[in-house]
Amino acid sequence: MQLSRALNDYLSELGLKQADICRASGLSDAHVSQIFSGKIKDPKASIVYKIAHAMGITVDELLERSDSYEDDQ
């Protein structure tokens, strides 16, 4: 699963910034940055939900895209 790649792609497509996600989710800048950079590879489900919700997408959409990158390799 390439969660960070999917997150960054959605961020670009939606015209959002990590700071927008922090504000909307209540997560710290450092935590969001680590998830988006891939330093945290397996965040808790509740964190993934908060980020997806802040982006206006579902967890299923995010995970499906993340899984789809596995097929590209």
N, C-alpha and C. Protein backbone atom coordinates (compact mmCIF):
# COMPACT_ATOMS: atom_id res chain seq x y z
N MET A 1 0.85 -1.18 0.00
CA MET A 1 0.00 0.00 0.00
C MET A 1 0.89 1.24 0.00
N GLN A 2 0.56 2.19 -0.82
CA GLN A 2 1.31 3.44 -0.91
C GLN A 2 0.42 4.60 -0.49
N LEU A 3 0.14 4.63 0.80
CA LEU A 3 -0.77 5.63 1.34
C LEU A 3 -0.28 7.05 1.10
N SER A 4 1.00 7.29 1.33
CA SER A 4 1.51 8.66 1.18
C SER A 4 1.38 9.15 -0.26
N ARG A 5 1.60 8.28 -1.22
CA ARG A 5 1.45 8.66 -2.63
C ARG A 5 0.00 9.03 -2.93
N ALA A 6 -0.93 8.21 -2.45
CA ALA A 6 -2.36 8.50 -2.67
C ALA A 6 -2.76 9.81 -2.00
N LEU A 7 -2.29 10.03 -0.78
CA LEU A 7 -2.62 11.27 -0.08
C LEU A 7 -2.12 12.48 -0.84
N ASN A 8 -0.89 12.42 -1.29
CA ASN A 8 -0.31 13.56 -2.01
C ASN A 8 -1.00 13.79 -3.35
N ASP A 9 -1.39 12.72 -4.02
CA ASP A 9 -2.12 12.88 -5.28
C ASP A 9 -3.47 13.55 -5.05
N TYR A 10 -4.20 13.10 -4.03
CA TYR A 10 -5.48 13.72 -3.71
C TYR A 10 -5.29 15.18 -3.31
N LEU A 11 -4.25 15.45 -2.53
CA LEU A 11 -3.97 16.82 -2.10
C LEU A 11 -3.83 17.73 -3.31
N SER A 12 -3.07 17.29 -4.29
CA SER A 12 -2.86 18.06 -5.52
C SER A 12 -4.16 18.24 -6.30
N GLU A 13 -4.87 17.13 -6.49
CA GLU A 13 -6.11 17.17 -7.27
C GLU A 13 -7.15 18.09 -6.65
N LEU A 14 -7.19 18.10 -5.33
CA LEU A 14 -8.21 18.87 -4.63
C LEU A 14 -7.77 20.31 -4.36
N GLY A 15 -6.53 20.62 -4.70
CA GLY A 15 -6.03 21.98 -4.49
C GLY A 15 -5.87 22.33 -3.02
N LEU A 16 -5.54 21.33 -2.21
CA LEU A 16 -5.38 21.55 -0.78
C LEU A 16 -3.91 21.57 -0.40
N LYS A 17 -3.64 22.04 0.80
CA LYS A 17 -2.30 22.03 1.37
C LYS A 17 -2.35 21.23 2.67
N GLN A 18 -1.19 20.76 3.09
CA GLN A 18 -1.15 20.01 4.34
C GLN A 18 -1.69 20.83 5.50
N ALA A 19 -1.46 22.13 5.49
CA ALA A 19 -1.98 23.00 6.55
C ALA A 19 -3.51 22.96 6.60
N ASP A 20 -4.16 22.84 5.43
CA ASP A 20 -5.62 22.72 5.39
C ASP A 20 -6.07 21.45 6.10
N ILE A 21 -5.33 20.37 5.86
CA ILE A 21 -5.66 19.08 6.47
C ILE A 21 -5.47 19.16 7.99
N CYS A 22 -4.41 19.81 8.42
CA CYS A 22 -4.17 19.97 9.86
C CYS A 22 -5.32 20.70 10.53
N ARG A 23 -5.71 21.81 9.92
CA ARG A 23 -6.80 22.61 10.50
C ARG A 23 -8.10 21.82 10.55
N ALA A 24 -8.43 21.16 9.46
CA ALA A 24 -9.71 20.45 9.38
C ALA A 24 -9.75 19.18 10.22
N SER A 25 -8.59 18.56 10.41
CA SER A 25 -8.56 17.28 11.13
C SER A 25 -8.21 17.42 12.60
N GLY A 26 -7.57 18.54 12.96
CA GLY A 26 -7.14 18.71 14.34
C GLY A 26 -5.82 18.01 14.64
N LEU A 27 -5.17 17.48 13.61
CA LEU A 27 -3.89 16.80 13.79
C LEU A 27 -2.76 17.82 13.72
N SER A 28 -1.64 17.50 14.35
CA SER A 28 -0.50 18.41 14.34
C SER A 28 0.17 18.44 12.96
N ASP A 29 0.85 19.54 12.69
CA ASP A 29 1.60 19.68 11.44
C ASP A 29 2.61 18.56 11.30
N ALA A 30 3.32 18.26 12.39
CA ALA A 30 4.37 17.24 12.35
C ALA A 30 3.79 15.87 12.02
N HIS A 31 2.67 15.53 12.63
CA HIS A 31 2.05 14.22 12.40
C HIS A 31 1.59 14.08 10.95
N VAL A 32 0.91 15.10 10.46
CA VAL A 32 0.42 15.08 9.08
C VAL A 32 1.60 15.01 8.11
N SER A 33 2.63 15.78 8.38
CA SER A 33 3.81 15.77 7.52
C SER A 33 4.46 14.39 7.46
N GLN A 34 4.56 13.72 8.59
CA GLN A 34 5.16 12.38 8.64
C GLN A 34 4.32 11.37 7.86
N ILE A 35 3.02 11.49 7.92
CA ILE A 35 2.14 10.57 7.19
C ILE A 35 2.24 10.84 5.69
N PHE A 36 2.20 12.11 5.31
CA PHE A 36 2.25 12.46 3.89
C PHE A 36 3.62 12.16 3.27
N SER A 37 4.66 12.18 4.07
CA SER A 37 6.00 11.88 3.56
C SER A 37 6.30 10.39 3.55
N GLY A 38 5.46 9.62 4.22
CA GLY A 38 5.68 8.18 4.26
C GLY A 38 6.53 7.71 5.43
N LYS A 39 6.93 8.64 6.31
CA LYS A 39 7.70 8.25 7.49
C LYS A 39 6.86 7.39 8.43
N ILE A 40 5.58 7.70 8.51
CA ILE A 40 4.63 6.84 9.23
C ILE A 40 3.91 6.05 8.14
N LYS A 41 4.23 4.78 8.04
CA LYS A 41 3.73 3.96 6.94
C LYS A 41 2.38 3.31 7.24
N ASP A 42 2.07 3.12 8.50
CA ASP A 42 0.84 2.43 8.88
C ASP A 42 0.12 3.18 10.01
N PRO A 43 -0.46 4.35 9.68
CA PRO A 43 -1.15 5.12 10.72
C PRO A 43 -2.40 4.41 11.21
N LYS A 44 -2.82 4.78 12.39
CA LYS A 44 -4.05 4.21 12.97
C LYS A 44 -5.24 4.52 12.06
N ALA A 45 -6.21 3.64 12.10
CA ALA A 45 -7.41 3.81 11.28
C ALA A 45 -8.12 5.13 11.60
N SER A 46 -8.13 5.51 12.86
CA SER A 46 -8.80 6.76 13.24
C SER A 46 -8.11 7.98 12.63
N ILE A 47 -6.80 7.91 12.47
CA ILE A 47 -6.04 9.00 11.85
C ILE A 47 -6.33 9.07 10.36
N VAL A 48 -6.36 7.90 9.71
CA VAL A 48 -6.67 7.85 8.28
C VAL A 48 -8.07 8.41 8.04
N TYR A 49 -9.02 8.07 8.91
CA TYR A 49 -10.38 8.59 8.79
C TYR A 49 -10.39 10.12 8.90
N LYS A 50 -9.68 10.65 9.90
CA LYS A 50 -9.66 12.11 10.07
C LYS A 50 -9.09 12.82 8.84
N ILE A 51 -8.03 12.27 8.29
CA ILE A 51 -7.40 12.89 7.12
C ILE A 51 -8.33 12.79 5.92
N ALA A 52 -8.90 11.62 5.67
CA ALA A 52 -9.82 11.45 4.54
C ALA A 52 -11.01 12.40 4.67
N HIS A 53 -11.57 12.46 5.87
CA HIS A 53 -12.71 13.34 6.10
C HIS A 53 -12.32 14.80 5.86
N ALA A 54 -11.14 15.19 6.31
CA ALA A 54 -10.67 16.57 6.11
C ALA A 54 -10.48 16.88 4.63
N MET A 55 -10.18 15.85 3.83
CA MET A 55 -9.98 16.04 2.39
C MET A 55 -11.29 15.95 1.62
N GLY A 56 -12.35 15.52 2.29
CA GLY A 56 -13.64 15.40 1.61
C GLY A 56 -13.76 14.13 0.78
N ILE A 57 -12.98 13.10 1.14
CA ILE A 57 -13.05 11.81 0.46
C ILE A 57 -13.32 10.73 1.49
N THR A 58 -13.68 9.55 1.01
CA THR A 58 -13.91 8.45 1.94
C THR A 58 -12.62 7.67 2.15
N VAL A 59 -12.57 6.95 3.24
CA VAL A 59 -11.43 6.08 3.51
C VAL A 59 -11.31 5.03 2.41
N ASP A 60 -12.45 4.52 1.95
CA ASP A 60 -12.43 3.52 0.87
C ASP A 60 -11.78 4.09 -0.39
N GLU A 61 -12.14 5.32 -0.76
CA GLU A 61 -11.53 5.94 -1.94
C GLU A 61 -10.02 6.05 -1.78
N LEU A 62 -9.60 6.48 -0.60
CA LEU A 62 -8.18 6.65 -0.33
C LEU A 62 -7.44 5.32 -0.39
N LEU A 63 -7.99 4.30 0.25
CA LEU A 63 -7.32 3.00 0.28
C LEU A 63 -7.34 2.31 -1.08
N GLU A 64 -8.42 2.47 -1.82
CA GLU A 64 -8.47 1.89 -3.17
C GLU A 64 -7.39 2.50 -4.06
N ARG A 65 -7.23 3.81 -3.98
CA ARG A 65 -6.19 4.45 -4.79
C ARG A 65 -4.82 3.99 -4.32
N SER A 66 -4.63 3.94 -3.04
CA SER A 66 -3.35 3.51 -2.49
C SER A 66 -3.01 2.10 -2.95
N ASP A 67 -3.98 1.22 -2.91
CA ASP A 67 -3.77 -0.16 -3.36
C ASP A 67 -3.53 -0.24 -4.86
N SER A 68 -4.14 0.67 -5.62
CA SER A 68 -4.00 0.62 -7.07
C SER A 68 -2.56 0.88 -7.53
N TYR A 69 -1.80 1.61 -6.71
CA TYR A 69 -0.41 1.89 -7.07
C TYR A 69 0.45 0.63 -6.99
N GLU A 70 0.02 -0.34 -6.22
CA GLU A 70 0.74 -1.62 -6.14
C GLU A 70 0.73 -2.29 -7.51
N ASP A 71 -0.38 -2.13 -8.23
CA ASP A 71 -0.51 -2.75 -9.56
C ASP A 71 0.40 -2.10 -10.58
N ASP A 72 0.77 -0.82 -10.34
CA ASP A 72 1.62 -0.08 -11.29
C ASP A 72 3.07 -0.58 -11.29
N GLN A 73 3.46 -1.23 -10.24
CA GLN A 73 4.87 -1.63 -10.12
C GLN A 73 5.19 -2.88 -10.88
